[in-house]
N, C-alpha and C. Protein backbone atom coordinates (compact mmCIF):
# COMPACT_ATOMS: atom_id res chain seq x y z
N VAL A 1 8.92 68.91 37.63
CA VAL A 1 9.95 68.49 36.88
C VAL A 1 10.42 67.17 37.51
N GLN A 2 10.18 65.71 36.84
CA GLN A 2 10.32 64.64 37.63
C GLN A 2 11.45 64.14 36.88
N LEU A 3 12.49 63.77 37.53
CA LEU A 3 14.03 62.91 37.06
C LEU A 3 13.88 61.46 38.01
N GLN A 4 14.04 60.54 37.05
CA GLN A 4 13.65 59.45 37.63
C GLN A 4 15.06 58.67 37.30
N ALA A 5 15.75 58.40 38.61
CA ALA A 5 16.92 57.61 38.42
C ALA A 5 16.86 55.94 39.03
N SER A 6 17.47 55.14 38.48
CA SER A 6 17.09 53.74 38.68
C SER A 6 18.50 53.15 38.42
N GLY A 7 18.54 51.92 39.07
CA GLY A 7 19.70 51.00 38.80
C GLY A 7 20.60 50.74 39.95
N GLY A 8 20.17 51.27 41.07
CA GLY A 8 20.85 50.98 42.30
C GLY A 8 20.47 49.65 42.69
N GLY A 9 21.20 49.15 43.81
CA GLY A 9 21.03 47.76 44.13
C GLY A 9 22.13 47.57 45.20
N LEU A 10 22.29 46.25 45.53
CA LEU A 10 23.41 45.69 46.41
C LEU A 10 23.98 44.80 45.78
N VAL A 11 25.27 45.48 45.69
CA VAL A 11 26.63 44.54 44.90
C VAL A 11 27.93 44.45 45.78
N GLN A 12 28.49 43.32 45.45
CA GLN A 12 29.58 43.00 46.28
C GLN A 12 30.99 43.87 45.79
N VAL A 13 32.16 43.97 46.67
CA VAL A 13 33.19 44.60 46.08
C VAL A 13 33.91 44.08 44.95
N GLY A 14 33.83 44.97 44.16
CA GLY A 14 34.65 44.79 42.80
C GLY A 14 33.40 44.92 41.75
N GLY A 15 32.07 44.53 42.04
CA GLY A 15 31.28 44.38 41.21
C GLY A 15 30.82 45.55 40.41
N SER A 16 29.91 45.66 39.41
CA SER A 16 29.36 46.65 38.78
C SER A 16 27.75 47.30 38.65
N LEU A 17 27.52 48.07 38.36
CA LEU A 17 26.03 48.53 38.45
C LEU A 17 25.99 49.77 37.26
N ARG A 18 24.93 49.75 36.41
CA ARG A 18 24.56 51.05 35.73
C ARG A 18 23.72 51.58 36.37
N LEU A 19 23.84 53.21 36.68
CA LEU A 19 22.79 53.97 36.83
C LEU A 19 21.99 54.54 35.70
N SER A 20 20.87 54.68 35.73
CA SER A 20 20.09 55.12 34.63
C SER A 20 19.11 56.60 35.15
N CYS A 21 19.03 57.88 34.59
CA CYS A 21 18.11 58.70 34.80
C CYS A 21 17.50 59.40 33.64
N VAL A 22 15.98 59.38 33.71
CA VAL A 22 15.39 59.67 32.29
C VAL A 22 14.79 61.18 32.78
N ALA A 23 14.94 62.22 31.94
CA ALA A 23 14.58 63.33 32.28
C ALA A 23 13.56 63.99 30.96
N PRO A 24 12.75 64.95 31.16
CA PRO A 24 12.16 65.34 30.18
C PRO A 24 12.94 65.95 29.15
N GLY A 25 12.41 66.04 27.72
CA GLY A 25 13.63 66.42 26.57
C GLY A 25 13.48 67.73 26.82
N ASN A 26 12.58 68.61 27.13
CA ASN A 26 12.72 69.99 26.98
C ASN A 26 14.07 70.66 28.17
N ILE A 27 14.36 69.70 29.18
CA ILE A 27 15.29 70.21 30.07
C ILE A 27 16.73 69.48 29.58
N PHE A 28 16.58 68.46 29.50
CA PHE A 28 17.74 67.21 29.26
C PHE A 28 18.80 67.98 27.89
N SER A 29 18.02 68.44 26.86
CA SER A 29 18.86 68.74 25.96
C SER A 29 19.67 70.06 25.91
N ARG A 30 18.97 70.75 26.82
CA ARG A 30 19.73 72.34 26.97
C ARG A 30 20.79 72.26 28.24
N ASN A 31 20.91 71.44 28.84
CA ASN A 31 21.87 71.25 29.84
C ASN A 31 22.65 70.21 30.16
N ALA A 32 23.52 70.38 31.10
CA ALA A 32 24.55 69.53 31.50
C ALA A 32 24.04 68.32 32.17
N ALA A 33 24.41 67.45 32.47
CA ALA A 33 23.66 66.40 33.67
C ALA A 33 25.03 65.80 34.35
N GLN A 34 24.40 65.59 35.46
CA GLN A 34 25.16 65.12 36.56
C GLN A 34 24.87 64.20 37.48
N TRP A 35 26.13 63.42 38.25
CA TRP A 35 25.64 62.78 39.36
C TRP A 35 26.25 62.95 40.33
N TYR A 36 25.63 62.85 41.63
CA TYR A 36 26.03 63.44 42.86
C TYR A 36 25.58 62.14 43.90
N ARG A 37 26.32 61.90 45.13
CA ARG A 37 25.71 60.84 45.71
C ARG A 37 26.00 61.67 47.23
N GLN A 38 25.28 61.19 48.34
CA GLN A 38 25.36 61.36 49.86
C GLN A 38 25.43 59.79 50.56
N ALA A 39 26.58 59.84 51.15
CA ALA A 39 26.83 58.38 51.93
C ALA A 39 26.16 59.10 53.27
N PRO A 40 25.78 57.75 54.09
CA PRO A 40 25.41 57.89 55.33
C PRO A 40 26.28 58.78 56.33
N GLY A 41 25.23 59.65 56.75
CA GLY A 41 25.96 60.79 57.60
C GLY A 41 26.83 61.88 57.13
N LYS A 42 26.99 61.94 55.72
CA LYS A 42 27.90 62.83 55.01
C LYS A 42 26.87 64.16 54.17
N GLN A 43 27.66 64.91 53.61
CA GLN A 43 26.83 65.76 52.72
C GLN A 43 26.87 65.20 51.54
N ARG A 44 26.03 65.54 50.57
CA ARG A 44 25.96 65.22 48.97
C ARG A 44 27.13 65.75 48.53
N SER A 45 27.77 64.92 47.60
CA SER A 45 28.98 65.43 46.78
C SER A 45 29.10 64.82 45.27
N PHE A 46 29.67 65.77 44.64
CA PHE A 46 29.68 65.56 43.09
C PHE A 46 30.56 64.22 42.81
N VAL A 47 29.90 63.71 41.74
CA VAL A 47 30.67 62.43 41.15
C VAL A 47 31.00 62.77 39.93
N ALA A 48 29.94 63.08 38.95
CA ALA A 48 30.75 63.27 37.28
C ALA A 48 29.60 64.02 36.74
N ILE A 49 30.05 64.55 35.93
CA ILE A 49 29.46 65.42 35.10
C ILE A 49 29.58 65.28 33.48
N VAL A 50 28.37 65.38 32.43
CA VAL A 50 28.77 65.20 30.97
C VAL A 50 28.14 66.47 30.39
N SER A 51 28.69 67.38 29.82
CA SER A 51 28.17 68.45 29.21
C SER A 51 27.38 68.09 28.42
N ARG A 52 26.73 68.94 27.56
CA ARG A 52 25.70 69.13 26.20
C ARG A 52 26.36 68.31 25.24
N THR A 53 27.87 68.87 25.23
CA THR A 53 28.78 68.56 24.07
C THR A 53 29.67 66.87 23.98
N GLY A 54 29.32 66.41 25.47
CA GLY A 54 29.95 65.58 25.81
C GLY A 54 31.03 65.34 26.78
N THR A 55 31.64 66.26 26.92
CA THR A 55 33.04 66.64 27.64
C THR A 55 32.43 66.29 29.20
N THR A 56 33.56 65.50 29.81
CA THR A 56 33.07 64.67 30.95
C THR A 56 34.12 64.81 32.16
N GLU A 57 33.71 65.04 33.23
CA GLU A 57 34.81 65.50 34.36
C GLU A 57 34.20 64.77 35.34
N TYR A 58 35.16 64.20 36.33
CA TYR A 58 34.86 63.13 37.50
C TYR A 58 35.42 63.40 38.92
N ALA A 59 35.12 63.01 40.08
CA ALA A 59 35.46 63.41 41.03
C ALA A 59 36.47 62.28 41.39
N ASP A 60 37.84 62.68 41.93
CA ASP A 60 39.19 62.17 42.09
C ASP A 60 38.75 60.47 42.48
N SER A 61 38.03 60.49 43.26
CA SER A 61 37.54 59.15 44.04
C SER A 61 36.88 58.24 43.21
N VAL A 62 36.59 58.57 41.95
CA VAL A 62 36.15 57.68 41.10
C VAL A 62 36.69 57.62 39.42
N VAL A 63 37.88 58.34 39.38
CA VAL A 63 38.42 58.28 38.04
C VAL A 63 39.02 56.75 37.67
N GLY A 64 38.50 56.38 36.76
CA GLY A 64 39.07 55.14 36.10
C GLY A 64 38.22 54.13 36.20
N ARG A 65 37.17 54.26 37.19
CA ARG A 65 36.17 53.27 37.66
C ARG A 65 34.85 53.53 37.17
N PHE A 66 34.47 54.96 37.13
CA PHE A 66 32.96 55.21 36.76
C PHE A 66 33.10 55.92 35.54
N THR A 67 31.91 55.65 34.66
CA THR A 67 31.87 56.34 33.28
C THR A 67 30.40 57.30 33.42
N ILE A 68 30.59 58.41 33.06
CA ILE A 68 29.25 58.86 32.72
C ILE A 68 29.23 59.25 31.17
N SER A 69 27.84 59.16 30.89
CA SER A 69 27.48 59.11 29.27
C SER A 69 26.02 59.51 28.92
N ARG A 70 25.57 59.93 28.06
CA ARG A 70 24.64 60.52 27.65
C ARG A 70 23.62 60.23 26.49
N ASP A 71 22.52 59.93 26.38
CA ASP A 71 22.01 59.66 25.27
C ASP A 71 20.81 60.56 24.86
N ASP A 72 21.25 61.53 24.25
CA ASP A 72 20.26 62.56 23.87
C ASP A 72 18.72 62.09 23.22
N ALA A 73 18.92 61.03 22.52
CA ALA A 73 17.74 60.73 21.73
C ALA A 73 16.84 59.97 22.88
N GLU A 74 17.15 59.44 23.83
CA GLU A 74 16.40 58.95 24.88
C GLU A 74 16.35 59.70 26.29
N ASN A 75 17.01 60.94 26.21
CA ASN A 75 16.91 61.90 27.44
C ASN A 75 17.28 61.19 28.61
N THR A 76 18.26 60.43 28.45
CA THR A 76 18.84 59.71 29.63
C THR A 76 20.24 59.77 29.66
N VAL A 77 20.43 59.79 31.20
CA VAL A 77 22.12 60.12 31.41
C VAL A 77 22.40 58.51 32.52
N TYR A 78 23.42 58.44 32.13
CA TYR A 78 23.69 56.73 32.43
C TYR A 78 25.32 57.34 33.35
N LEU A 79 25.35 56.26 34.58
CA LEU A 79 26.37 56.17 35.19
C LEU A 79 27.08 54.84 35.58
N GLN A 80 28.01 54.34 34.75
CA GLN A 80 28.54 52.89 34.29
C GLN A 80 29.40 52.82 35.83
N MET A 81 29.51 52.08 36.86
CA MET A 81 30.35 51.95 37.82
C MET A 81 30.92 50.59 38.01
N ASN A 82 32.34 50.53 37.70
CA ASN A 82 32.97 49.46 37.98
C ASN A 82 33.86 49.52 39.03
N ASN A 83 34.03 48.13 39.42
CA ASN A 83 35.13 48.08 40.62
C ASN A 83 34.75 48.74 41.96
N LEU A 84 33.49 48.77 42.22
CA LEU A 84 33.01 49.07 43.20
C LEU A 84 33.62 48.78 44.86
N LYS A 85 33.35 49.78 45.77
CA LYS A 85 34.04 49.85 46.88
C LYS A 85 33.02 50.10 48.06
N PRO A 86 33.44 49.61 49.10
CA PRO A 86 32.48 49.90 50.29
C PRO A 86 31.99 51.30 50.29
N GLU A 87 33.19 52.38 50.35
CA GLU A 87 33.03 53.64 50.08
C GLU A 87 32.20 54.33 49.15
N ASP A 88 31.78 53.51 48.36
CA ASP A 88 30.62 54.22 47.19
C ASP A 88 29.42 53.76 47.50
N THR A 89 29.07 53.07 48.69
CA THR A 89 27.83 53.00 49.48
C THR A 89 27.24 54.45 49.48
N ALA A 90 25.94 54.67 48.76
CA ALA A 90 25.55 56.04 48.97
C ALA A 90 24.01 55.86 48.31
N VAL A 91 23.31 57.11 48.35
CA VAL A 91 22.28 57.21 47.37
C VAL A 91 22.82 58.32 46.55
N TYR A 92 22.38 58.01 45.35
CA TYR A 92 22.89 58.13 44.35
C TYR A 92 21.83 59.18 43.19
N TYR A 93 22.18 60.51 43.00
CA TYR A 93 20.94 61.69 42.64
C TYR A 93 21.92 61.95 41.13
N CYS A 94 20.79 62.08 40.43
CA CYS A 94 20.92 62.77 39.08
C CYS A 94 20.67 63.90 39.02
N ALA A 95 21.24 65.07 38.15
CA ALA A 95 20.96 66.30 38.36
C ALA A 95 21.03 66.56 36.74
N ILE A 96 20.01 67.26 36.26
CA ILE A 96 19.78 68.13 34.95
C ILE A 96 19.90 69.99 35.18
N GLY A 97 20.75 70.19 34.65
CA GLY A 97 20.85 71.38 35.07
C GLY A 97 20.83 71.86 36.35
N LEU A 98 19.86 72.52 37.11
CA LEU A 98 19.99 72.40 38.59
C LEU A 98 18.72 71.53 39.26
N THR A 99 18.08 70.86 38.63
CA THR A 99 17.05 69.77 38.97
C THR A 99 17.50 68.70 39.16
N PHE A 100 17.35 68.36 40.47
CA PHE A 100 17.67 67.14 41.15
C PHE A 100 16.49 65.91 41.08
N GLY A 101 16.69 64.93 40.97
CA GLY A 101 16.21 63.92 40.66
C GLY A 101 15.89 62.85 41.98
N GLN A 102 14.83 62.15 42.21
CA GLN A 102 15.19 61.26 43.40
C GLN A 102 16.15 60.20 43.26
N GLY A 103 16.81 60.00 44.83
CA GLY A 103 17.90 59.10 44.64
C GLY A 103 17.70 57.44 44.42
N THR A 104 18.63 57.21 43.94
CA THR A 104 18.66 55.29 44.05
C THR A 104 19.71 55.02 44.85
N LEU A 105 19.61 54.01 45.64
CA LEU A 105 20.58 53.69 47.12
C LEU A 105 21.33 52.50 45.96
N VAL A 106 22.78 52.58 46.37
CA VAL A 106 23.93 51.83 45.91
C VAL A 106 24.29 51.13 47.01
N THR A 107 24.32 49.90 47.33
CA THR A 107 25.21 49.26 48.74
C THR A 107 26.16 48.31 48.41
N VAL A 108 27.54 48.62 48.74
CA VAL A 108 28.55 47.76 48.34
C VAL A 108 28.83 47.01 49.61
N SER A 109 28.76 45.57 49.43
CA SER A 109 29.22 44.91 50.66
C SER A 109 30.39 44.32 50.34
N SER A 110 31.07 43.92 51.44
CA SER A 110 32.54 43.56 51.70
C SER A 110 32.77 42.12 52.03
């Protein structure tokens, strides 16, 4: 199963990025969608989740700044990231059910 995340890049403190992740339809519609991140030298950690019905939950560190959403017609999950901070620098991974995709690097410069 191939999950393709995109949208990472270099951004200044306070800037915004939107990450996207496209999944095969047969797994996307039946599962919650999540974003995780792994900062340099740290373990992968939970960022956000959106259920099949649209219920969302966030890590405390991103509440009020990040928004997760899903488009079932496009089999895509998004992560809108606003007011980015240097500590948000990480490789971001999407996950559909138990399947993780390739990461996309987000670098926030101060």
